[in-house]
Amino acid sequence: MSENSPIKDALYAKIDGMGSEQIHQLLLSNDFSKLFERIYEPVIHTVQDIDEYEKHGTLAESLTHYLFTEMLIPSQRKITFENIELDMIIPNTAELQKDSQNTIIIFFVKTSNIGEIKQKIQHLKKLQKDDTKIWIISRDHIEIPQSIYITEKESFGKFLKDAQNFIKTKKMNKLNIFKTKI
């Protein structure tokens, strides 16, 4: 790992332990909930001494980055665009400039402070006016107009399915659905 992170270390140890063949089998069968159950749930319980919200947000972001890579979902991660920090964007900032309707901005909540969360969303709305194209990944449900997904298996599975459907409808998907075939 380029940066020392107990969350990422635990995540990639779990991924290595599971093996790419098993992960790809679950991806090919669209069993995103089972993938969450086998990777996210065990990892979240192994990492200690980190704020729960930060832990859930960081793990969800790291797992999403890994899975988007495996699923060939085009995205950019951890970038600053027009002085606004973005956790992740599908597909990229060039498309955001061209046609914001063809982009999704994803925000991984790492705090319990609702004021901070809403302030961050207001910054994101400067780039993406459409609330349905701002996806929030959070440990807890939050009453907001944007699309919200919770870090639990059914909701996170829906998030992955929605991302996959978005790139298909926008004709962004590659010829292969996944990076490798089994």
Protein backbone atom coordinates (compact mmCIF):
# COMPACT_ATOMS: atom_id res chain seq x y z
CA MET A 1 0.00 0.00 0.00
CA SER A 2 1.24 3.46 -0.79
CA GLU A 3 -0.26 4.92 2.36
CA ASN A 4 -0.43 3.22 5.73
CA SER A 5 -4.10 2.42 6.32
CA PRO A 6 -5.33 -0.37 8.58
CA ILE A 7 -8.67 -0.30 6.75
CA LYS A 8 -7.15 -0.76 3.29
CA ASP A 9 -4.70 -3.35 4.62
CA ALA A 10 -7.56 -5.38 6.13
CA LEU A 11 -9.65 -4.99 2.96
CA TYR A 12 -6.93 -6.19 0.61
CA ALA A 13 -5.98 -9.03 2.95
CA LYS A 14 -9.63 -10.18 2.81
CA ILE A 15 -9.75 -9.80 -0.99
CA ASP A 16 -6.50 -11.78 -1.36
CA GLY A 17 -7.84 -14.44 1.01
CA MET A 18 -11.07 -14.79 -0.97
CA GLY A 19 -9.33 -14.89 -4.30
CA SER A 20 -10.23 -13.10 -7.50
CA GLU A 21 -11.97 -16.16 -8.99
CA GLN A 22 -14.59 -16.24 -6.21
CA ILE A 23 -15.03 -12.45 -6.35
CA HIS A 24 -15.48 -12.50 -10.13
CA GLN A 25 -18.01 -15.33 -9.84
CA LEU A 26 -20.11 -13.20 -7.47
CA LEU A 27 -19.75 -10.18 -9.79
CA LEU A 28 -20.78 -12.22 -12.83
CA SER A 29 -23.88 -13.47 -11.03
CA ASN A 30 -24.67 -9.90 -9.83
CA ASP A 31 -24.64 -11.17 -6.25
CA PHE A 32 -23.49 -7.84 -4.85
CA SER A 33 -25.14 -8.43 -1.46
CA LYS A 34 -23.21 -11.65 -0.93
CA LEU A 35 -20.01 -9.87 -1.98
CA PHE A 36 -20.70 -7.21 0.65
CA GLU A 37 -21.43 -9.91 3.22
CA ARG A 38 -18.19 -11.78 2.51
CA ILE A 39 -15.85 -8.80 2.23
CA TYR A 40 -17.23 -5.65 3.89
CA GLU A 41 -18.86 -7.16 6.97
CA PRO A 42 -15.84 -9.18 8.18
CA VAL A 43 -13.41 -6.31 7.50
CA ILE A 44 -15.46 -3.64 9.32
CA HIS A 45 -15.31 -5.73 12.51
CA THR A 46 -11.55 -6.36 12.36
CA VAL A 47 -10.49 -2.71 12.29
CA GLN A 48 -10.40 -1.10 15.74
CA ASP A 49 -9.54 2.32 17.20
CA ILE A 50 -10.96 4.34 14.29
CA ASP A 51 -14.10 6.49 14.43
CA GLU A 52 -17.04 4.35 13.23
CA TYR A 53 -18.19 6.85 10.60
CA GLU A 54 -14.69 7.32 9.22
CA LYS A 55 -14.17 3.56 9.22
CA HIS A 56 -17.42 2.85 7.32
CA GLY A 57 -16.84 5.69 4.84
CA THR A 58 -13.24 4.75 4.13
CA LEU A 59 -14.01 1.04 3.76
CA ALA A 60 -16.98 1.71 1.48
CA GLU A 61 -14.85 4.02 -0.67
CA SER A 62 -11.96 1.56 -0.89
CA LEU A 63 -14.22 -1.39 -1.68
CA THR A 64 -16.11 0.65 -4.29
CA HIS A 65 -12.85 1.67 -5.97
CA TYR A 66 -11.73 -1.98 -6.10
CA LEU A 67 -15.10 -3.24 -7.39
CA PHE A 68 -15.47 -0.47 -9.99
CA THR A 69 -12.03 -1.43 -11.31
CA GLU A 70 -13.04 -5.10 -11.49
CA MET A 71 -16.40 -4.23 -13.09
CA LEU A 72 -14.78 -1.81 -15.57
CA ILE A 73 -16.92 1.08 -14.36
CA PRO A 74 -15.09 4.22 -15.48
CA SER A 75 -14.46 6.56 -12.57
CA GLN A 76 -12.04 9.04 -11.06
CA ARG A 77 -11.28 8.99 -7.36
CA LYS A 78 -10.01 11.54 -4.83
CA ILE A 79 -9.68 14.54 -7.13
CA THR A 80 -10.22 18.26 -6.80
CA PHE A 81 -12.29 19.93 -9.50
CA GLU A 82 -13.05 23.66 -9.45
CA ASN A 83 -11.70 23.77 -5.88
CA ILE A 84 -14.17 21.11 -4.72
CA GLU A 85 -12.89 17.79 -3.43
CA LEU A 86 -14.61 14.78 -4.98
CA ASP A 87 -14.48 11.33 -3.42
CA MET A 88 -15.47 9.70 -6.71
CA ILE A 89 -17.09 10.57 -10.03
CA ILE A 90 -18.48 8.37 -12.80
CA PRO A 91 -17.04 8.59 -15.43
CA ASN A 92 -14.79 11.69 -15.12
CA THR A 93 -14.57 15.46 -14.81
CA ALA A 94 -14.24 15.92 -18.58
CA GLU A 95 -17.74 14.46 -19.00
CA LEU A 96 -18.98 16.59 -16.08
CA GLN A 97 -17.88 19.70 -17.99
CA LYS A 98 -19.47 18.47 -21.21
CA ASP A 99 -22.80 17.18 -19.87
CA SER A 100 -23.44 16.86 -16.15
CA GLN A 101 -26.41 14.56 -16.85
CA ASN A 102 -23.88 11.92 -17.89
CA THR A 103 -22.08 11.97 -14.54
CA ILE A 104 -22.63 10.72 -11.01
CA ILE A 105 -20.79 12.27 -8.07
CA ILE A 106 -20.35 9.88 -5.15
CA PHE A 107 -19.77 11.17 -1.62
CA PHE A 108 -18.64 8.74 1.10
CA VAL A 109 -19.75 10.09 4.49
CA LYS A 110 -16.99 9.88 7.11
CA THR A 111 -18.59 11.91 9.90
CA SER A 112 -21.72 11.93 12.04
CA ASN A 113 -21.91 15.75 11.83
CA ILE A 114 -25.03 16.39 9.73
CA GLY A 115 -24.06 20.04 9.27
CA GLU A 116 -20.72 19.05 7.69
CA ILE A 117 -22.49 16.50 5.49
CA LYS A 118 -25.04 19.02 4.22
CA GLN A 119 -22.32 21.62 3.63
CA LYS A 120 -20.34 19.11 1.53
CA ILE A 121 -23.48 18.32 -0.47
CA GLN A 122 -24.01 22.04 -1.13
CA HIS A 123 -20.48 22.23 -2.55
CA LEU A 124 -21.17 19.20 -4.76
CA LYS A 125 -24.39 20.83 -6.01
CA LYS A 126 -22.25 23.62 -7.52
CA LEU A 127 -20.91 20.96 -9.92
CA GLN A 128 -23.92 18.66 -10.22
CA LYS A 129 -27.32 20.38 -10.02
CA ASP A 130 -29.36 17.17 -10.34
CA ASP A 131 -29.88 15.66 -6.85
CA THR A 132 -30.45 12.21 -8.35
CA LYS A 133 -26.91 12.34 -9.77
CA ILE A 134 -25.33 12.91 -6.34
CA TRP A 135 -25.07 9.58 -4.54
CA ILE A 136 -24.36 9.54 -0.83
CA ILE A 137 -22.90 6.43 0.83
CA SER A 138 -23.45 6.57 4.59
CA ARG A 139 -23.39 4.40 7.68
CA ASP A 140 -26.80 5.80 8.68
CA HIS A 141 -29.87 6.94 6.78
CA ILE A 142 -29.98 10.72 6.32
CA GLU A 143 -33.06 12.71 5.28
CA ILE A 144 -31.76 14.48 2.16
CA PRO A 145 -33.03 14.89 -1.42
CA GLN A 146 -29.99 13.15 -2.95
CA SER A 147 -29.77 9.41 -3.58
CA ILE A 148 -28.61 7.70 -0.40
CA TYR A 149 -27.18 4.22 0.07
CA ILE A 150 -26.42 2.70 3.46
CA THR A 151 -23.37 0.56 4.23
CA GLU A 152 -25.42 -2.60 4.65
CA LYS A 153 -25.66 -5.47 2.18
CA GLU A 154 -29.01 -4.78 0.44
CA SER A 155 -28.47 -1.04 0.05
CA PHE A 156 -24.82 -1.35 -0.96
CA GLY A 157 -25.75 -4.07 -3.43
CA LYS A 158 -28.36 -1.72 -4.92
CA PHE A 159 -25.69 1.01 -5.18
CA LEU A 160 -23.42 -1.30 -7.22
CA LYS A 161 -26.31 -2.41 -9.44
CA ASP A 162 -27.38 1.22 -9.98
CA ALA A 163 -23.81 2.18 -10.95
CA GLN A 164 -23.65 -0.73 -13.39
CA ASN A 165 -27.03 0.24 -14.91
CA PHE A 166 -26.00 3.89 -15.18
CA ILE A 167 -22.94 3.12 -17.30
CA LYS A 168 -24.97 0.72 -19.45
CA THR A 169 -27.70 3.30 -20.14
CA LYS A 170 -25.11 5.99 -20.87
CA LYS A 171 -23.27 3.58 -23.20
CA MET A 172 -20.08 3.89 -21.15
CA ASN A 173 -19.59 0.19 -20.55
CA LYS A 174 -16.80 -1.67 -22.23
CA LEU A 175 -17.26 -4.79 -24.34
CA ASN A 176 -16.58 -6.98 -21.31
CA ILE A 177 -18.67 -6.52 -18.21
CA PHE A 178 -15.76 -7.41 -15.93
CA LYS A 179 -12.00 -7.04 -16.07
CA THR A 180 -11.39 -10.78 -16.27
CA LYS A 181 -13.50 -13.71 -17.29
CA ILE A 182 -13.70 -16.92 -15.32
